[in-house]
Amino acid sequence: MESKTRELVTVLEELITRHRALLNVEQKKLRSIINQDLKELDSLISQSKKILKDIETSEKARLVAVEELCGTDKATITEIGHKLSEKRNAELTSRAGSLTSLMLEQKELNQRIEYLLKDSMDIINFSVSVFSGASPYGRTYSVAGEERLSEAKPASLVLDIKA
């Protein structure tokens, strides 16, 4: 039982290390998105894929260790802790808390990146529609200042000339 507990703690430490590395790469991704450095972003995406594979491997090892300790891989830290000494339980709970906080930080960072990318796509889509004259009808206003739809298609801002 003691060796399985040490194995679980070791796997949790690996997960913490890998999640810190992923968080570091994701923070760099955020900076490269802000700076619009696509080469660096591409490199960082490759790095994060490798780290995610390593996390998946460690996660599988964690599930095996939990199953060997409790008979099921669905056991919680609290359930595992009841089977351990007070010292080992505190050690396990500490590692689990660290891992949880890293994952929450990662989730928050991912939401920021998603927000930035969505805003960037909105700006790109708006620019494309302005330059292409994608709107079939323009808006005009009457003398009284009321908005009305124009039946005439607005002129495209992009030259459409055949040579």
Protein backbone atom coordinates (compact mmCIF):
# COMPACT_ATOMS: atom_id res chain seq x y z
CA MET A 1 0.00 0.00 0.00
CA GLU A 2 2.83 2.38 0.86
CA SER A 3 4.54 1.87 -2.49
CA LYS A 4 1.27 2.49 -4.35
CA THR A 5 0.76 5.68 -2.35
CA ARG A 6 4.26 6.88 -3.20
CA GLU A 7 3.60 6.00 -6.84
CA LEU A 8 0.40 8.08 -6.81
CA VAL A 9 2.20 11.03 -5.20
CA THR A 10 4.96 10.76 -7.81
CA VAL A 11 2.42 10.73 -10.63
CA LEU A 12 0.68 13.78 -9.14
CA GLU A 13 4.04 15.56 -8.97
CA GLU A 14 4.63 14.73 -12.65
CA LEU A 15 1.19 16.10 -13.50
CA ILE A 16 1.92 19.28 -11.56
CA THR A 17 5.23 19.74 -13.40
CA ARG A 18 3.61 19.13 -16.78
CA HIS A 19 0.67 21.41 -16.08
CA ARG A 20 3.09 24.17 -15.02
CA ALA A 21 4.97 23.70 -18.29
CA LEU A 22 1.68 23.83 -20.22
CA LEU A 23 0.63 26.96 -18.36
CA ASN A 24 3.96 28.58 -19.21
CA VAL A 25 3.53 27.74 -22.92
CA GLU A 26 -0.06 29.01 -22.88
CA GLN A 27 1.07 32.32 -21.34
CA LYS A 28 3.61 32.64 -24.14
CA LYS A 29 0.82 31.85 -26.62
CA LEU A 30 -1.22 34.69 -25.20
CA ARG A 31 1.69 37.10 -25.67
CA SER A 32 2.30 35.87 -29.23
CA ILE A 33 -1.38 36.34 -30.06
CA ILE A 34 -1.28 39.87 -28.67
CA ASN A 35 1.95 40.60 -30.57
CA GLN A 36 0.59 38.84 -33.68
CA ASP A 37 3.72 36.68 -33.92
CA LEU A 38 2.42 33.76 -35.96
CA LYS A 39 5.76 31.93 -36.23
CA GLU A 40 6.14 31.83 -32.47
CA LEU A 41 2.48 30.86 -32.08
CA ASP A 42 2.95 27.90 -34.44
CA SER A 43 5.98 26.75 -32.47
CA LEU A 44 4.12 27.11 -29.18
CA ILE A 45 1.19 25.09 -30.48
CA SER A 46 3.58 22.24 -31.29
CA GLN A 47 5.08 22.47 -27.80
CA SER A 48 1.67 22.41 -26.14
CA LYS A 49 0.64 19.32 -28.16
CA LYS A 50 3.70 17.45 -26.88
CA ILE A 51 3.02 18.51 -23.29
CA LEU A 52 -0.62 17.46 -23.62
CA LYS A 53 0.50 13.99 -24.78
CA ASP A 54 2.77 13.76 -21.73
CA ILE A 55 -0.12 14.83 -19.49
CA GLU A 56 -2.31 12.13 -21.03
CA THR A 57 0.36 9.51 -20.28
CA SER A 58 0.67 10.69 -16.67
CA GLU A 59 -3.10 10.78 -16.31
CA LYS A 60 -3.34 7.13 -17.40
CA ALA A 61 -0.68 6.24 -14.81
CA ARG A 62 -2.66 8.16 -12.16
CA LEU A 63 -5.81 6.19 -12.98
CA VAL A 64 -3.90 2.90 -12.68
CA ALA A 65 -2.43 3.92 -9.31
CA VAL A 66 -5.83 5.00 -7.98
CA GLU A 67 -7.41 1.75 -9.13
CA GLU A 68 -4.69 -0.30 -7.45
CA LEU A 69 -5.19 1.63 -4.21
CA CYS A 70 -9.00 1.66 -4.13
CA GLY A 71 -10.20 -0.97 -6.55
CA THR A 72 -11.71 1.69 -8.82
CA ASP A 73 -10.25 4.53 -10.86
CA LYS A 74 -13.18 6.77 -9.92
CA ALA A 75 -12.14 7.25 -6.28
CA THR A 76 -11.78 10.83 -5.00
CA ILE A 77 -8.83 12.21 -3.08
CA THR A 78 -10.95 12.15 0.08
CA GLU A 79 -11.80 8.47 -0.42
CA ILE A 80 -8.17 7.63 -1.03
CA GLY A 81 -7.13 9.70 1.98
CA HIS A 82 -9.28 7.62 4.33
CA LYS A 83 -7.10 4.61 3.52
CA LEU A 84 -3.82 6.41 4.24
CA SER A 85 -1.91 7.65 7.23
CA GLU A 86 -2.46 11.25 8.25
CA LYS A 87 0.96 12.26 6.88
CA ARG A 88 0.38 10.61 3.49
CA ASN A 89 -3.15 11.99 3.34
CA ALA A 90 -1.84 15.53 3.90
CA GLU A 91 0.83 15.01 1.24
CA LEU A 92 -1.69 13.67 -1.26
CA THR A 93 -4.21 16.43 -0.51
CA SER A 94 -1.52 19.09 -0.94
CA ARG A 95 -0.51 17.74 -4.36
CA ALA A 96 -4.14 17.45 -5.44
CA GLY A 97 -4.78 21.05 -4.35
CA SER A 98 -1.77 22.30 -6.31
CA LEU A 99 -2.89 20.42 -9.39
CA THR A 100 -6.44 21.76 -9.07
CA SER A 101 -5.27 25.36 -8.76
CA LEU A 102 -3.02 24.96 -11.83
CA MET A 103 -5.93 23.57 -13.82
CA LEU A 104 -8.18 26.45 -12.77
CA GLU A 105 -5.49 28.94 -13.78
CA GLN A 106 -5.17 27.13 -17.12
CA LYS A 107 -8.92 27.31 -17.65
CA GLU A 108 -8.93 31.06 -16.97
CA LEU A 109 -6.02 31.60 -19.37
CA ASN A 110 -7.77 29.53 -22.06
CA GLN A 111 -10.86 31.72 -21.69
CA ARG A 112 -8.73 34.85 -22.19
CA ILE A 113 -7.11 33.37 -25.29
CA GLU A 114 -10.50 32.32 -26.66
CA TYR A 115 -11.84 35.84 -26.08
CA LEU A 116 -8.88 37.41 -27.90
CA LEU A 117 -9.19 35.03 -30.83
CA LYS A 118 -12.93 35.61 -31.10
CA ASP A 119 -12.42 39.39 -31.12
CA SER A 120 -9.70 39.04 -33.74
CA MET A 121 -11.99 36.95 -35.92
CA ASP A 122 -14.79 39.51 -35.52
CA ILE A 123 -12.44 42.27 -36.67
CA ILE A 124 -11.25 40.20 -39.63
CA ASN A 125 -14.80 39.31 -40.65
CA PHE A 126 -15.88 42.95 -40.38
CA SER A 127 -12.91 44.10 -42.47
CA VAL A 128 -13.60 41.49 -45.13
CA SER A 129 -17.26 42.48 -45.32
CA VAL A 130 -16.38 46.18 -45.60
CA PHE A 131 -13.84 45.61 -48.35
CA SER A 132 -15.98 43.17 -50.28
CA GLY A 133 -19.24 45.05 -49.96
CA ALA A 134 -20.78 41.83 -48.63
CA SER A 135 -23.93 43.51 -47.39
CA PRO A 136 -26.55 43.28 -50.15
CA TYR A 137 -28.18 46.51 -49.15
CA GLY A 138 -26.81 49.65 -47.64
CA ARG A 139 -28.44 51.78 -44.99
CA THR A 140 -29.62 55.25 -45.80
CA TYR A 141 -31.48 57.86 -43.83
CA SER A 142 -34.45 59.97 -44.77
CA VAL A 143 -34.64 63.74 -44.37
CA ALA A 144 -36.39 63.20 -41.02
CA GLY A 145 -33.43 61.07 -39.86
CA GLU A 146 -35.24 57.73 -40.00
CA GLU A 147 -33.29 54.72 -41.15
CA ARG A 148 -34.45 52.98 -44.30
CA LEU A 149 -33.05 50.16 -46.34
CA SER A 150 -31.63 51.05 -49.69
CA GLU A 151 -32.50 48.81 -52.62
CA ALA A 152 -29.30 49.71 -54.45
CA LYS A 153 -26.29 47.54 -53.81
CA PRO A 154 -23.42 49.60 -52.40
CA ALA A 155 -20.27 49.85 -54.46
CA SER A 156 -17.51 47.50 -53.50
CA LEU A 157 -14.38 49.09 -52.07
CA VAL A 158 -12.25 46.51 -53.88
CA LEU A 159 -11.47 47.11 -57.52
CA ASP A 160 -13.21 44.56 -59.70
CA ILE A 161 -11.56 45.06 -63.07
CA LYS A 162 -10.83 42.39 -65.64
CA ALA A 163 -7.70 42.89 -67.68
